[in-house]
Protein backbone atom coordinates (compact mmCIF):
# COMPACT_ATOMS: atom_id res chain seq x y z
CA MET A 1 -14.18 -102.50 246.94
CA ASP A 2 -16.08 -102.16 243.66
CA SER A 3 -14.65 -105.52 242.66
CA THR A 4 -15.88 -107.33 245.76
CA SER A 5 -16.78 -110.93 244.93
CA SER A 6 -19.48 -112.70 246.92
CA LYS A 7 -17.71 -115.99 246.11
CA THR A 8 -14.14 -115.11 247.05
CA HIS A 9 -14.86 -112.40 249.65
CA GLU A 10 -12.04 -110.32 248.12
CA VAL A 11 -11.72 -106.73 249.27
CA MET A 12 -9.13 -103.99 249.12
CA THR A 13 -7.34 -103.10 252.35
CA SER A 14 -4.96 -100.24 253.10
CA ASN A 15 -2.51 -99.06 255.72
CA ILE A 16 -2.24 -95.37 254.81
CA LYS A 17 -1.65 -93.21 257.90
CA GLN A 18 -1.62 -89.45 258.43
CA VAL A 19 -0.64 -87.54 261.56
CA PHE A 20 -2.44 -84.30 262.42
CA HIS A 21 -2.33 -82.00 265.42
CA HIS A 22 -4.99 -80.19 267.42
CA LYS A 23 -4.84 -78.29 270.73
CA GLY A 24 -1.28 -79.45 271.36
CA LYS A 25 -2.10 -83.13 270.86
CA SER A 26 -1.27 -85.46 267.99
CA PHE A 27 -3.64 -87.89 266.31
CA ILE A 28 -3.40 -90.48 263.56
CA ARG A 29 -5.90 -90.92 260.76
CA GLU A 30 -5.51 -94.39 259.28
CA VAL A 31 -7.22 -95.68 256.16
CA LEU A 32 -8.48 -99.12 257.19
CA LEU A 33 -10.18 -100.01 253.93
CA ALA A 34 -9.61 -98.38 250.54
CA ASP A 35 -11.48 -98.48 247.24
CA ALA A 36 -14.76 -99.19 249.02
CA ASN A 37 -18.02 -98.48 247.20
CA VAL A 38 -19.79 -96.06 249.57
CA PRO A 39 -19.27 -97.80 252.97
CA TYR A 40 -22.30 -96.89 255.06
CA LYS A 41 -24.30 -97.81 258.18
CA LEU A 42 -21.38 -98.63 260.49
CA SER A 43 -21.64 -100.55 263.76
CA VAL A 44 -19.05 -102.28 265.98
CA ASP A 45 -19.12 -105.49 267.98
CA ARG A 46 -16.81 -104.19 270.72
CA SER A 47 -16.48 -107.61 272.37
CA LYS A 48 -14.54 -108.76 269.29
CA ASN A 49 -13.68 -105.34 267.79
CA LYS A 50 -15.34 -106.20 264.48
CA LEU A 51 -16.79 -103.47 262.27
CA PHE A 52 -20.00 -104.15 260.32
CA PHE A 53 -21.11 -101.95 257.42
CA CYS A 54 -22.75 -102.06 254.01
CA ILE A 55 -21.40 -101.22 250.57
CA ASN A 56 -23.03 -100.68 247.20
CA ALA A 57 -22.93 -103.83 245.10
CA ASP A 58 -21.18 -103.70 241.74
CA ASP A 59 -22.97 -103.54 238.39
CA PHE A 60 -22.73 -107.29 237.84
CA SER A 61 -24.46 -108.25 241.09
CA ASP A 62 -28.13 -109.21 241.39
CA GLN A 63 -28.27 -107.21 244.63
CA SER A 64 -28.02 -103.50 245.46
CA PHE A 65 -26.04 -103.81 248.72
CA HIS A 66 -23.75 -106.19 250.61
CA LEU A 67 -22.89 -106.32 254.30
CA VAL A 68 -19.19 -106.52 255.16
CA VAL A 69 -17.22 -107.36 258.32
CA LEU A 70 -13.85 -105.74 258.99
CA ASP A 71 -11.64 -107.11 261.78
CA LEU A 72 -10.28 -103.93 263.39
CA GLU A 73 -7.40 -105.84 265.01
CA THR A 74 -6.07 -107.61 261.89
CA GLY A 75 -7.52 -105.48 259.08
CA MET A 76 -9.08 -108.57 257.46
CA PRO A 77 -12.47 -107.94 255.76
CA TRP A 78 -15.07 -110.32 254.31
CA VAL A 79 -18.54 -110.17 252.76
CA ILE A 80 -21.46 -111.67 254.71
CA GLN A 81 -23.43 -114.36 252.89
CA GLY A 82 -27.03 -115.45 253.51
CA ILE A 83 -28.81 -112.09 253.50
CA ARG A 84 -30.22 -110.21 250.54
CA ASN A 85 -29.35 -106.54 250.13
CA GLY A 86 -27.74 -106.46 253.57
CA PHE A 87 -27.83 -102.85 254.73
CA ALA A 88 -28.04 -102.28 258.49
CA SER A 89 -26.56 -103.86 261.62
CA ALA A 90 -26.68 -103.55 265.39
CA VAL A 91 -24.99 -105.28 268.33
CA ASP A 92 -26.29 -106.39 271.71
CA PRO A 93 -23.33 -105.38 273.94
CA ALA A 94 -24.39 -107.74 276.73
CA THR A 95 -24.35 -110.92 274.65
CA GLY A 96 -22.32 -109.95 271.58
CA THR A 97 -25.23 -110.93 269.32
CA VAL A 98 -24.99 -109.12 265.98
CA TYR A 99 -28.24 -108.37 264.17
CA LEU A 100 -28.30 -107.80 260.42
CA GLY A 101 -31.03 -106.11 258.40
CA GLY A 102 -31.69 -106.48 254.69
CA SER A 103 -34.50 -106.48 252.19
CA ASN A 104 -35.60 -109.98 253.22
CA GLY A 105 -35.77 -109.55 256.99
CA ILE A 106 -33.68 -109.44 260.16
CA PHE A 107 -30.97 -112.05 260.72
CA LYS A 108 -28.25 -112.86 263.27
CA TYR A 109 -24.59 -113.08 262.34
CA ASN A 110 -22.93 -116.45 262.89
CA TYR A 111 -19.23 -116.06 263.72
CA ASN A 112 -18.60 -119.75 263.03
CA THR A 113 -19.95 -119.78 259.48
CA LEU A 114 -19.24 -116.08 258.80
CA ALA A 115 -22.77 -115.86 257.37
CA ALA A 116 -26.23 -114.60 258.26
CA GLN A 117 -28.43 -116.98 260.21
CA GLY A 118 -32.22 -116.85 260.32
CA PRO A 119 -34.26 -114.87 259.64
CA VAL A 120 -35.57 -113.96 263.08
CA LEU A 121 -38.14 -111.65 261.46
CA ASN A 122 -39.57 -111.98 257.94
CA ARG A 123 -41.27 -109.54 255.57
CA VAL A 124 -39.43 -106.39 256.59
CA ASP A 125 -36.93 -104.27 254.65
CA VAL A 126 -34.60 -102.66 257.21
CA PHE A 127 -33.04 -99.21 256.80
CA ASP A 128 -31.49 -98.63 260.25
CA MET A 129 -31.00 -100.55 263.51
CA PHE A 130 -29.85 -99.92 267.09
CA PHE A 131 -29.74 -102.10 270.17
CA LYS A 132 -30.60 -100.73 273.60
CA ASN A 133 -32.00 -103.48 275.84
CA GLU A 134 -34.02 -104.53 272.78
CA LEU A 135 -33.51 -104.31 269.02
CA TYR A 136 -34.98 -101.18 267.46
CA PHE A 137 -35.26 -100.93 263.69
CA VAL A 138 -36.63 -98.68 260.94
CA ASP A 139 -38.67 -100.04 258.04
CA THR A 140 -37.34 -98.73 254.72
CA ALA A 141 -40.76 -98.33 253.09
CA THR A 142 -42.62 -96.63 255.94
CA GLN A 143 -39.70 -95.14 257.96
CA ALA A 144 -41.60 -96.29 261.04
CA LEU A 145 -39.70 -97.35 264.16
CA SER A 146 -40.38 -100.75 265.70
CA ILE A 147 -38.94 -103.12 268.31
CA LEU A 148 -38.18 -106.78 267.69
CA ARG A 149 -39.93 -108.56 270.53
CA ASN A 150 -40.41 -112.35 270.59
CA THR A 151 -40.00 -112.54 266.79
CA THR A 152 -42.74 -109.91 266.45
CA LYS A 153 -42.65 -106.35 265.12
CA VAL A 154 -43.90 -103.96 267.82
CA PRO A 155 -44.39 -100.23 266.96
CA VAL A 156 -42.79 -97.56 269.19
CA LYS A 157 -45.86 -95.45 269.95
CA PRO A 158 -44.22 -92.18 271.16
CA LEU A 159 -42.42 -91.88 267.81
CA LYS A 160 -45.28 -92.88 265.56
CA GLY A 161 -45.49 -90.58 262.54
CA TYR A 162 -41.96 -89.13 262.73
CA LEU A 163 -40.62 -91.01 259.63
CA ILE A 164 -37.23 -91.79 261.17
CA GLN A 165 -34.06 -92.19 259.08
CA HIS A 166 -31.06 -92.34 261.47
CA PHE A 167 -31.29 -92.82 265.24
CA VAL A 168 -29.52 -93.81 268.45
CA ILE A 169 -30.37 -94.11 272.14
CA ASP A 170 -27.75 -92.52 274.38
CA GLY A 171 -26.48 -93.34 277.85
CA ASN A 172 -29.34 -91.36 279.45
CA GLU A 173 -31.83 -93.40 277.41
CA ASP A 174 -32.77 -90.30 275.43
CA PHE A 175 -33.80 -91.04 271.85
CA LEU A 176 -32.02 -88.93 269.21
CA PHE A 177 -32.98 -89.14 265.54
CA SER A 178 -33.06 -87.36 262.21
CA ASN A 179 -35.47 -87.34 259.30
CA SER A 180 -36.25 -85.17 256.29
CA THR A 181 -37.74 -82.45 258.52
CA GLY A 182 -35.02 -82.12 261.14
CA LEU A 183 -32.96 -83.41 264.05
CA TYR A 184 -34.81 -84.34 267.23
CA ILE A 185 -34.39 -85.45 270.84
CA LEU A 186 -37.03 -87.44 272.69
CA PRO A 187 -35.97 -87.30 276.37
CA HIS A 188 -36.45 -90.52 278.30
CA GLY A 189 -40.00 -90.75 279.63
CA ASN A 190 -41.35 -87.94 277.44
CA GLN A 191 -44.04 -88.33 274.82
CA ALA A 192 -43.00 -85.49 272.48
CA ALA A 193 -39.68 -84.91 270.71
CA ASN A 194 -37.82 -81.57 270.70
CA LEU A 195 -36.48 -80.11 267.45
CA VAL A 196 -32.76 -79.21 267.43
CA PRO A 197 -31.97 -76.18 265.21
CA TYR A 198 -29.37 -76.65 262.48
CA SER A 199 -28.38 -75.32 259.05
CA ASP A 200 -30.73 -76.19 256.20
CA THR A 201 -27.72 -77.27 254.12
CA MET A 202 -26.82 -80.12 256.49
CA ASN A 203 -27.64 -83.69 255.46
CA PHE A 204 -27.41 -86.23 258.28
CA ARG A 205 -26.10 -89.57 257.05
CA GLY A 206 -25.69 -91.60 260.22
CA ALA A 207 -25.54 -91.73 264.00
CA ALA A 208 -23.51 -93.55 266.65
CA VAL A 209 -22.93 -93.69 270.39
CA ASP A 210 -19.40 -93.78 271.81
CA THR A 211 -18.23 -95.97 274.70
CA TYR A 212 -19.37 -93.27 277.17
CA GLY A 213 -22.92 -93.32 275.80
CA ARG A 214 -22.66 -89.96 274.00
CA ALA A 215 -24.58 -89.58 270.75
CA HIS A 216 -22.97 -88.29 267.55
CA PHE A 217 -24.30 -87.57 264.06
CA ILE A 218 -22.30 -87.49 260.83
CA THR A 219 -22.87 -85.19 257.84
CA GLU A 220 -20.88 -84.48 254.68
CA ASP A 221 -18.56 -82.06 256.50
CA GLY A 222 -18.21 -83.47 259.97
CA VAL A 223 -19.32 -85.23 263.13
CA TYR A 224 -21.66 -83.36 265.46
CA GLN A 225 -22.92 -83.58 269.03
CA ILE A 226 -26.02 -82.03 270.58
CA ASP A 227 -25.48 -79.81 273.61
CA LYS A 228 -28.54 -80.74 275.65
CA ASN A 229 -28.14 -77.72 277.96
CA THR A 230 -28.53 -75.25 275.08
CA ASN A 231 -30.30 -77.51 272.56
CA GLN A 232 -27.63 -76.55 270.05
CA LEU A 233 -25.64 -78.61 267.57
CA ARG A 234 -21.83 -78.31 267.68
CA LYS A 235 -19.18 -79.70 265.39
CA TRP A 236 -16.92 -82.24 267.07
CA LEU A 237 -14.86 -83.50 264.13
CA SER A 238 -14.29 -82.19 260.60
CA VAL A 239 -14.31 -84.77 257.78
CA ARG A 240 -14.72 -84.67 254.02
CA ASN A 241 -17.82 -86.30 252.52
CA GLY A 242 -18.73 -88.24 255.65
CA TYR A 243 -21.07 -91.22 255.34
CA GLY A 244 -20.88 -93.61 258.29
CA LEU A 245 -19.80 -93.42 261.94
CA ALA A 246 -18.94 -95.78 264.79
CA PHE A 247 -16.62 -96.08 267.81
CA ASP A 248 -14.43 -99.11 268.45
CA LYS A 249 -13.75 -100.87 271.78
CA TYR A 250 -11.05 -98.29 272.60
CA ASN A 251 -13.39 -95.39 271.74
CA ASN A 252 -11.40 -94.58 268.61
CA ILE A 253 -13.44 -92.86 265.91
CA ILE A 254 -14.31 -95.01 262.91
CA TYR A 255 -15.84 -93.12 260.01
CA SER A 256 -16.33 -93.59 256.29
CA ASP A 257 -16.38 -91.36 253.26
CA ASP A 258 -17.61 -92.40 249.84
CA ARG A 259 -14.46 -94.45 249.06
CA SER A 260 -12.85 -95.57 252.33
CA VAL A 261 -13.19 -96.59 255.98
CA ASN A 262 -10.95 -94.63 258.37
CA LYS A 263 -9.87 -94.61 262.01
CA ILE A 264 -8.79 -91.65 264.14
CA CYS A 265 -6.91 -92.32 267.36
CA PRO A 266 -4.55 -90.36 269.61
CA LEU A 267 -0.81 -90.97 269.36
CA GLU A 268 -0.77 -91.20 273.15
CA TYR A 269 -3.78 -92.45 275.10
CA THR A 270 -4.80 -90.48 278.17
CA THR A 271 -7.25 -91.01 281.00
CA ASP A 272 -9.57 -88.19 279.94
CA ASP A 273 -13.12 -88.85 278.71
CA GLY A 274 -12.47 -88.18 275.06
CA GLU A 275 -13.92 -84.68 274.86
CA ASP A 276 -11.15 -83.41 272.55
CA SER A 277 -12.52 -81.71 269.45
CA TYR A 278 -10.62 -83.44 266.65
CA ARG A 279 -10.03 -81.74 263.31
CA SER A 280 -9.10 -84.07 260.47
CA GLN A 281 -6.85 -82.39 257.95
């Protein structure tokens, strides 16, 4: 998607599929979008099964990043207009409202115009976003976490000073996040975060919550979960050069590497809770 045009919304799509096997089950890895320029910061509007993510802009653009929408049902992608350096996104699952963050504030996505609408908050450069009852977001310059409340930026006091990079809030309302010093859990109702041990060579690039409310983090070599009983990190999925992570309405894994957006789904759906430890070949 290096040749993405903000005027024509042209992007490269793909339908490359690969079957792999693990623990007696078969899975498909499908390339949803090829030739993408570092797709990053994935989120899904599960009410419409639309994937939102950012890409690096090409050398001829006056911006550094663009936000893109990919229809996971049809495979049709398009670039979002009306926001500068669009980078982050988050979805209110109750209303289907999609929030977009860029260098010129926080906007809402308009499905009728296929463009950003707003802003709803000015003078903020957004690095990451997540919606859990309210919109949480990280300021790029300060790495401070805030809540959007009545068009006002409200600091999250228990996490003041942590310099957050990637974060999610899981189904137990525990706050999980990473920064340059480590990976942390702030249990719901607590005032201090717990450090989760991990290898010094790991570089966390994103976080997502699946349809069951379970938190996952992506690194260059895989997708990880935190075992809260042991406070240990365990690999859940092996990938190559991972960048972004999300889960669609069917709880299929959507992840990106530096050149593509991919989906992993079982060949046969079961009624289990998705605890299989996938291994992408």
